[in-house]
C-alpha cells in the first residue's frame, strides 16, 4: 500500500497523558513541533489513554501546557476516541485474514490478572519486575499455568528497521525486532477490559488495551494520515518494536524515519533523571 505524500505527517508514538505533570515529557512534543515546521508538514500528537487513571484531567493539563509552550499540533489522536464497533470490525477482519488466531495455549497469570502472558515467551525486563520468585508482586499470589482458548497474533515478521536517529537507538531497536521475529502476541485477557470481541459461536474475549494502540498507524490511515516521521521516547523502544512488527504484519507501510529522544525530567532535590 502506498500513500500520497500530501498525507505525510510528523507523529508521536501514542503517549500516556498521565505524564502531563512532568516537564520532560513535553520534549517529545517540542521536537515533533519543530520537525514539522522544518518539513512543512502537519503534526499529530497521539495519545494512549485507554484504561489510564484520571486520563481526562491529564488531557486538560496536556492541552493547556502545549498551548502555553506554543507547540499545539495540527491534530490530536487518542485511542479513547475509538468506538467498540470499529475495533470489533478490525478484529474480525484480522481473524478472517489469519493475522489474529484463536488457539488453545498455556497461559501464566496471577490471581488479579495484572501478570498474564504466554508460557513460552521470554519475559521482558518490565514484566520481570512484577514477579518475585514464583509470586506476583501486585497481589502476592502464586503464578499458575492454565491451558485455555485465547487470541494471539500470527507469528510476527522480521522488520527491516526504517532510518532511525540516533544510531544507538537503531541498534537497540534492531535487537528488539530480532527477538520479536517469529513470536506471537497475546491479545486477549482474563479480566475486564474496555473492549470485548464476541463471535457468532458465543466465544468471547476481553481485548488487551495495548492491542488497540499498537494498531494506531492503521487507525491513522483510516483518517487519511500517514506518520512518515515518528517521534518516540527512549523508554518505549520495545513498544516501538512491537508496533512496527504488528504494523508490518497487517500490511501497513512503516514510517520512513524514526527519531528517538531521551526524556529529561527534573526531580526533587535538583537531581536529573534520564
Protein backbone atom coordinates (compact mmCIF):
# COMPACT_ATOMS: atom_id res chain seq x y z
CA UNK A 1 0.00 0.00 0.00
CA UNK A 2 1.31 3.43 -0.91
CA UNK A 3 0.47 6.84 0.41
CA UNK A 4 0.08 10.19 -1.26
CA UNK A 5 2.91 12.39 0.03
CA UNK A 6 0.28 15.02 0.87
CA UNK A 7 -0.87 12.72 3.72
CA UNK A 8 2.56 12.71 5.40
CA UNK A 9 2.80 13.91 9.00
CA UNK A 10 5.16 14.08 11.94
CA UNK A 11 3.53 11.93 14.63
CA UNK A 12 4.40 10.90 18.14
CA UNK A 13 4.05 7.31 19.25
CA UNK A 14 0.88 7.06 21.40
CA UNK A 15 1.88 8.53 24.77
CA UNK A 16 0.15 8.32 28.14
CA UNK A 17 -1.31 11.70 29.16
CA UNK A 18 -0.79 10.72 32.82
CA UNK A 19 2.75 12.13 32.46
CA UNK A 20 1.33 15.60 31.81
CA UNK A 21 2.76 16.94 35.09
CA UNK A 22 6.33 16.01 34.09
CA UNK A 23 8.09 18.83 32.27
CA UNK A 24 10.50 16.49 30.46
CA UNK A 25 7.54 14.71 28.87
CA UNK A 26 6.99 17.71 26.64
CA UNK A 27 10.40 17.37 24.96
CA UNK A 28 8.83 14.87 22.54
CA UNK A 29 6.15 17.37 21.56
CA UNK A 30 8.65 20.21 21.23
CA UNK A 31 10.80 18.12 18.90
CA UNK A 32 7.83 16.95 16.83
CA UNK A 33 6.61 20.53 16.51
CA UNK A 34 9.98 21.87 15.37
CA UNK A 35 10.47 18.98 12.93
CA UNK A 36 7.05 19.50 11.35
CA UNK A 37 7.75 23.19 10.87
CA UNK A 38 11.10 22.38 9.26
CA UNK A 39 9.49 19.85 6.89
CA UNK A 40 6.36 21.97 6.44
CA UNK A 41 4.01 19.06 7.09
CA UNK A 42 1.26 18.61 9.74
CA UNK A 43 1.83 17.33 13.28
CA UNK A 44 -0.25 14.68 15.03
CA UNK A 45 0.14 14.13 18.78
CA UNK A 46 -1.01 10.59 19.55
CA UNK A 47 -2.21 9.53 23.00
CA UNK A 48 -2.78 6.22 24.76
CA UNK A 49 -5.32 6.97 27.48
CA UNK A 50 -7.46 3.81 27.46
CA UNK A 51 -7.73 2.48 31.00
CA UNK A 52 -5.45 5.18 32.39
CA UNK A 53 -6.45 6.71 35.75
CA UNK A 54 -7.62 10.35 35.65
CA UNK A 55 -6.96 10.47 31.91
CA UNK A 56 -9.46 13.25 31.18
CA UNK A 57 -7.96 15.50 33.85
CA UNK A 58 -4.47 14.81 32.47
CA UNK A 59 -5.65 15.61 28.93
CA UNK A 60 -6.81 19.06 30.03
CA UNK A 61 -3.40 19.68 31.60
CA UNK A 62 -1.61 18.41 28.48
CA UNK A 63 -3.53 20.66 26.13
CA UNK A 64 -3.02 23.66 28.42
CA UNK A 65 0.75 23.16 28.56
CA UNK A 66 1.18 22.61 24.81
CA UNK A 67 -0.81 25.80 24.27
CA UNK A 68 1.36 27.66 26.79
CA UNK A 69 4.55 26.42 25.08
CA UNK A 70 3.17 27.31 21.64
CA UNK A 71 3.62 23.73 20.40
CA UNK A 72 0.00 22.79 19.67
CA UNK A 73 -0.31 20.13 16.95
CA UNK A 74 -2.29 20.22 13.75
CA UNK A 75 -4.44 17.48 15.28
CA UNK A 76 -4.69 15.09 18.22
CA UNK A 77 -5.33 11.35 18.05
CA UNK A 78 -6.50 9.47 21.15
CA UNK A 79 -7.23 5.74 21.40
CA UNK A 80 -10.08 6.54 23.79
CA UNK A 81 -11.97 8.12 20.87
CA UNK A 82 -12.25 4.75 19.11
CA UNK A 83 -15.67 3.13 19.26
CA UNK A 84 -16.38 -0.51 20.01
CA UNK A 85 -17.90 -1.38 16.57
CA UNK A 86 -14.79 -0.06 14.78
CA UNK A 87 -12.47 -2.12 16.99
CA UNK A 88 -14.64 -5.23 16.66
CA UNK A 89 -14.69 -4.88 12.87
CA UNK A 90 -10.92 -4.58 12.79
CA UNK A 91 -10.50 -7.68 14.99
CA UNK A 92 -12.95 -9.65 12.79
CA UNK A 93 -11.02 -8.59 9.69
CA UNK A 94 -7.69 -9.70 11.18
CA UNK A 95 -9.25 -13.03 12.22
CA UNK A 96 -10.55 -13.62 8.69
CA UNK A 97 -7.09 -12.89 7.27
CA UNK A 98 -5.44 -15.27 9.76
CA UNK A 99 -3.39 -12.45 11.29
CA UNK A 100 -5.19 -12.92 14.61
CA UNK A 101 -5.83 -16.52 15.61
CA UNK A 102 -7.92 -18.42 18.14
CA UNK A 103 -5.69 -21.00 19.84
CA UNK A 104 -5.54 -23.14 22.95
CA UNK A 105 -2.35 -22.04 24.70
CA UNK A 106 -0.75 -22.37 28.11
CA UNK A 107 -1.12 -19.07 29.93
CA UNK A 108 0.64 -17.98 33.10
CA UNK A 109 -1.14 -15.47 35.32
CA UNK A 110 -1.60 -14.23 38.85
CA UNK A 111 -4.89 -14.10 40.73
CA UNK A 112 -5.70 -10.47 39.85
CA UNK A 113 -4.66 -10.76 36.18
CA UNK A 114 -2.03 -7.99 36.22
CA UNK A 115 0.60 -10.59 35.31
CA UNK A 116 -0.63 -12.62 32.33
CA UNK A 117 1.48 -13.98 29.48
CA UNK A 118 2.06 -16.88 27.11
CA UNK A 119 4.02 -19.57 28.96
CA UNK A 120 6.64 -19.96 26.23
CA UNK A 121 7.62 -16.29 25.88
CA UNK A 122 10.79 -14.70 27.18
CA UNK A 123 9.72 -12.10 29.75
CA UNK A 124 10.94 -8.59 29.07
CA UNK A 125 12.57 -6.50 31.77
CA UNK A 126 9.43 -4.57 32.76
CA UNK A 127 7.37 -7.73 33.20
CA UNK A 128 10.10 -9.38 35.28
CA UNK A 129 9.85 -6.59 37.86
CA UNK A 130 6.24 -7.65 38.53
CA UNK A 131 7.34 -11.10 39.69
CA UNK A 132 9.17 -12.10 42.84
CA UNK A 133 10.19 -15.74 42.87
CA UNK A 134 7.02 -17.68 41.97
CA UNK A 135 4.65 -14.96 43.15
CA UNK A 136 3.27 -11.77 41.60
CA UNK A 137 4.13 -8.57 43.43
CA UNK A 138 0.75 -6.97 42.63
CA UNK A 139 -1.41 -9.41 44.63
CA UNK A 140 1.21 -11.69 46.22
CA UNK A 141 -0.47 -14.70 44.63
CA UNK A 142 1.30 -17.63 43.03
CA UNK A 143 1.60 -17.50 39.25
CA UNK A 144 -0.17 -20.55 37.87
CA UNK A 145 -0.30 -22.16 34.42
CA UNK A 146 -3.53 -22.99 32.66
CA UNK A 147 -4.41 -24.12 29.13
CA UNK A 148 -7.29 -22.19 27.60
CA UNK A 149 -8.66 -20.65 24.42
CA UNK A 150 -7.08 -17.26 23.73
CA UNK A 151 -6.50 -14.80 20.90
CA UNK A 152 -2.95 -14.42 19.64
CA UNK A 153 -1.32 -12.83 16.61
CA UNK A 154 0.15 -14.81 13.76
CA UNK A 155 3.96 -15.08 14.05
CA UNK A 156 5.44 -11.60 13.73
CA UNK A 157 7.68 -10.93 10.73
CA UNK A 158 11.23 -9.69 10.92
CA UNK A 159 11.16 -5.99 10.13
CA UNK A 160 13.93 -4.10 8.39
CA UNK A 161 14.31 -1.04 10.56
CA UNK A 162 13.48 2.34 8.97
CA UNK A 163 16.03 5.13 9.20
CA UNK A 164 16.39 5.87 12.92
CA UNK A 165 18.21 8.54 14.85
CA UNK A 166 20.41 8.45 16.89
CA UNK A 167 22.49 5.40 15.92
CA UNK A 168 22.46 3.78 19.40
CA UNK A 169 18.65 3.69 19.33
CA UNK A 170 18.75 1.98 15.94
CA UNK A 171 20.99 -0.74 17.40
CA UNK A 172 18.61 -1.29 20.34
CA UNK A 173 15.51 -1.39 18.15
CA UNK A 174 17.15 -3.85 15.74
CA UNK A 175 17.87 -6.18 18.67
CA UNK A 176 14.23 -5.96 19.81
CA UNK A 177 12.93 -6.71 16.30
CA UNK A 178 15.17 -9.78 16.03
CA UNK A 179 13.74 -11.13 19.31
CA UNK A 180 10.17 -10.44 18.20
CA UNK A 181 10.55 -12.14 14.80
CA UNK A 182 8.52 -15.36 14.86
CA UNK A 183 6.90 -14.55 18.22
CA UNK A 184 3.17 -14.32 18.80
CA UNK A 185 1.46 -11.74 21.00
CA UNK A 186 -1.30 -12.49 23.49
CA UNK A 187 -4.21 -10.19 22.63
CA UNK A 188 -6.93 -11.42 24.99
CA UNK A 189 -7.07 -11.02 28.75
CA UNK A 190 -8.90 -12.86 31.54
CA UNK A 191 -10.01 -9.73 33.41
CA UNK A 192 -12.40 -6.98 32.28
CA UNK A 193 -11.10 -4.51 29.70
CA UNK A 194 -12.62 -1.58 27.81
CA UNK A 195 -13.39 -3.62 24.67
CA UNK A 196 -14.63 -7.15 24.07
CA UNK A 197 -14.80 -9.35 20.97
CA UNK A 198 -17.83 -11.62 20.54
CA UNK A 199 -18.01 -14.29 17.84
CA UNK A 200 -21.14 -15.91 16.47
CA UNK A 201 -20.38 -19.23 18.21
CA UNK A 202 -20.62 -17.41 21.55
CA UNK A 203 -16.85 -17.25 22.09
CA UNK A 204 -15.99 -14.00 23.83
CA UNK A 205 -12.71 -12.34 24.78
CA UNK A 206 -11.59 -9.22 26.62
CA UNK A 207 -9.16 -7.34 24.34
CA UNK A 208 -5.85 -6.10 25.72
CA UNK A 209 -5.87 -2.29 25.64
CA UNK A 210 -2.30 -2.30 24.26
CA UNK A 211 -3.56 -4.08 21.15
CA UNK A 212 -5.72 -1.02 20.41
CA UNK A 213 -2.88 1.49 20.32
CA UNK A 214 -0.42 -0.91 18.68
CA UNK A 215 -2.65 -0.52 15.60
CA UNK A 216 -2.50 3.27 15.69
CA UNK A 217 -0.87 3.55 12.25
CA UNK A 218 -3.81 1.64 10.81
CA UNK A 219 -6.29 3.89 12.65
CA UNK A 220 -4.48 6.96 11.30
CA UNK A 221 -4.71 5.55 7.79
CA UNK A 222 -8.48 5.48 8.21
CA UNK A 223 -8.25 9.21 8.90
CA UNK A 224 -6.17 9.74 5.72
CA UNK A 225 -2.96 10.38 7.64
CA UNK A 226 0.45 8.75 7.22
CA UNK A 227 3.04 9.12 10.04
CA UNK A 228 6.02 9.40 7.73
CA UNK A 229 8.14 10.69 10.64
CA UNK A 230 7.63 9.02 14.03
CA UNK A 231 8.88 10.51 17.31
CA UNK A 232 9.38 8.09 20.23
CA UNK A 233 10.94 8.12 23.68
CA UNK A 234 13.96 6.03 24.66
CA UNK A 235 11.92 4.25 27.34
CA UNK A 236 9.50 2.77 24.79
CA UNK A 237 11.89 1.17 22.30
CA UNK A 238 10.42 -2.29 22.98
CA UNK A 239 6.87 -1.00 22.43
CA UNK A 240 8.08 0.69 19.24
CA UNK A 241 9.39 -2.69 18.06
CA UNK A 242 6.03 -4.37 18.73
CA UNK A 243 4.22 -1.56 16.95
CA UNK A 244 6.46 -1.86 13.85
CA UNK A 245 6.24 -5.67 13.74
CA UNK A 246 2.44 -5.66 14.09
CA UNK A 247 2.09 -2.84 11.55
CA UNK A 248 4.20 -4.82 9.08
CA UNK A 249 2.18 -7.99 9.77
CA UNK A 250 -1.11 -6.34 8.81
CA UNK A 251 0.37 -4.74 5.70
CA UNK A 252 0.53 -1.07 6.66
CA UNK A 253 3.57 0.93 5.44
CA UNK A 254 6.08 1.74 8.17
CA UNK A 255 7.35 5.25 8.96
CA UNK A 256 10.22 6.36 6.78
CA UNK A 257 12.15 7.86 9.69
CA UNK A 258 12.06 7.37 13.47
CA UNK A 259 13.51 9.82 15.98
CA UNK A 260 14.26 8.56 19.50
CA UNK A 261 14.62 11.08 22.32
CA UNK A 262 15.86 10.81 25.86
CA UNK A 263 13.31 12.33 28.22
CA UNK A 264 14.99 14.52 30.84
CA UNK A 265 12.95 15.09 33.99
CA UNK A 266 13.96 17.37 36.84
CA UNK A 267 13.33 15.53 40.08
CA UNK A 268 13.07 16.72 43.68
CA UNK A 269 16.43 17.58 45.20
CA UNK A 270 17.63 19.15 41.92
CA UNK A 271 18.69 15.78 40.53
CA UNK A 272 18.14 14.95 36.89
CA UNK A 273 16.74 11.64 35.62
CA UNK A 274 17.17 10.45 32.01
